[in-house]
Amino acid sequence: MTRTEAIAIITDKLVSLDDQQVSILADIAQDLAAPTARSDAIYRLSDEERRLVREGVDELDRGEYASDEAVEAVLRRRWG
């Protein structure tokens, strides 16, 4: 995909986004354009994020899964 094609797709989709979604997209664009942004950068988890990931993996190891209905409900809700 060319840069022009990518910009056209983004522009086309912007009209269907609400204000909050546009704000989130703007934040992402700023992060990507930041002088410190690198495509090969490695995200470092905070201690809290690492704890939450371990907690989730432990739940999976114990067979504790969300129901299909619970997952669908989360995916249908508006984020923000």
Protein backbone atom coordinates (compact mmCIF):
# COMPACT_ATOMS: atom_id res chain seq x y z
CA MET A 1 0.00 0.00 0.00
CA THR A 2 1.35 3.40 -0.91
CA ARG A 3 1.42 6.35 1.45
CA THR A 4 -1.25 8.08 -0.67
CA GLU A 5 -3.52 5.01 -0.51
CA ALA A 6 -3.06 4.75 3.26
CA ILE A 7 -3.90 8.44 3.75
CA ALA A 8 -7.00 8.06 1.55
CA ILE A 9 -8.20 5.11 3.65
CA ILE A 10 -7.61 6.98 6.90
CA THR A 11 -9.35 10.11 5.59
CA ASP A 12 -12.32 8.07 4.37
CA LYS A 13 -12.74 6.39 7.76
CA LEU A 14 -12.45 9.62 9.78
CA VAL A 15 -15.95 10.78 8.88
CA SER A 16 -17.51 7.76 10.63
CA LEU A 17 -15.60 8.22 13.90
CA ASP A 18 -17.03 10.02 16.91
CA ASP A 19 -15.11 12.80 18.69
CA GLN A 20 -13.60 10.46 21.26
CA GLN A 21 -12.33 8.07 18.60
CA VAL A 22 -10.81 10.95 16.63
CA SER A 23 -9.07 12.12 19.81
CA ILE A 24 -7.65 8.63 20.39
CA LEU A 25 -6.47 8.46 16.79
CA ALA A 26 -4.81 11.87 17.17
CA ASP A 27 -2.96 10.65 20.28
CA ILE A 28 -1.74 7.59 18.41
CA ALA A 29 -0.57 9.73 15.48
CA GLN A 30 1.32 12.04 17.84
CA ASP A 31 3.00 9.06 19.49
CA LEU A 32 4.00 7.61 16.12
CA ALA A 33 5.39 10.96 14.95
CA ALA A 34 7.31 11.66 18.16
CA PRO A 35 11.06 12.10 17.69
CA THR A 36 11.65 9.16 20.04
CA ALA A 37 9.27 6.79 18.19
CA ARG A 38 11.01 3.89 16.50
CA SER A 39 9.47 1.05 14.58
CA ASP A 40 11.88 -1.37 16.24
CA ALA A 41 11.34 -0.05 19.76
CA ILE A 42 10.51 -2.56 22.46
CA TYR A 43 7.72 -1.68 24.87
CA ARG A 44 8.76 -2.24 28.46
CA LEU A 45 6.01 -3.36 30.81
CA SER A 46 5.67 -1.56 34.12
CA ASP A 47 5.69 -3.69 37.26
CA GLU A 48 1.89 -3.33 37.45
CA GLU A 49 1.42 -4.37 33.80
CA ARG A 50 3.72 -7.35 34.31
CA ARG A 51 1.73 -8.36 37.41
CA LEU A 52 -1.56 -8.14 35.47
CA VAL A 53 -0.18 -10.23 32.60
CA ARG A 54 1.02 -12.89 35.05
CA GLU A 55 -2.37 -12.84 36.77
CA GLY A 56 -4.11 -13.41 33.42
CA VAL A 57 -1.79 -16.26 32.47
CA ASP A 58 -2.34 -17.88 35.87
CA GLU A 59 -6.12 -17.65 35.35
CA LEU A 60 -5.77 -19.34 31.95
CA ASP A 61 -3.56 -22.05 33.48
CA ARG A 62 -6.36 -22.73 35.99
CA GLY A 63 -8.87 -22.99 33.13
CA GLU A 64 -10.60 -19.72 33.98
CA TYR A 65 -11.83 -18.34 30.67
CA ALA A 66 -14.39 -15.66 29.86
CA SER A 67 -17.57 -16.93 28.25
CA ASP A 68 -18.22 -16.16 24.59
CA GLU A 69 -21.05 -13.89 25.71
CA ALA A 70 -18.80 -11.92 28.06
CA VAL A 71 -16.17 -11.44 25.34
CA GLU A 72 -18.79 -10.33 22.82
CA ALA A 73 -20.21 -7.82 25.34
CA VAL A 74 -16.78 -6.26 25.84
CA LEU A 75 -16.11 -6.09 22.10
CA ARG A 76 -19.47 -4.38 21.48
CA ARG A 77 -19.04 -1.60 24.05
CA ARG A 78 -17.64 1.83 23.30
CA TRP A 79 -14.10 2.36 24.57
CA GLY A 80 -12.92 5.40 26.46
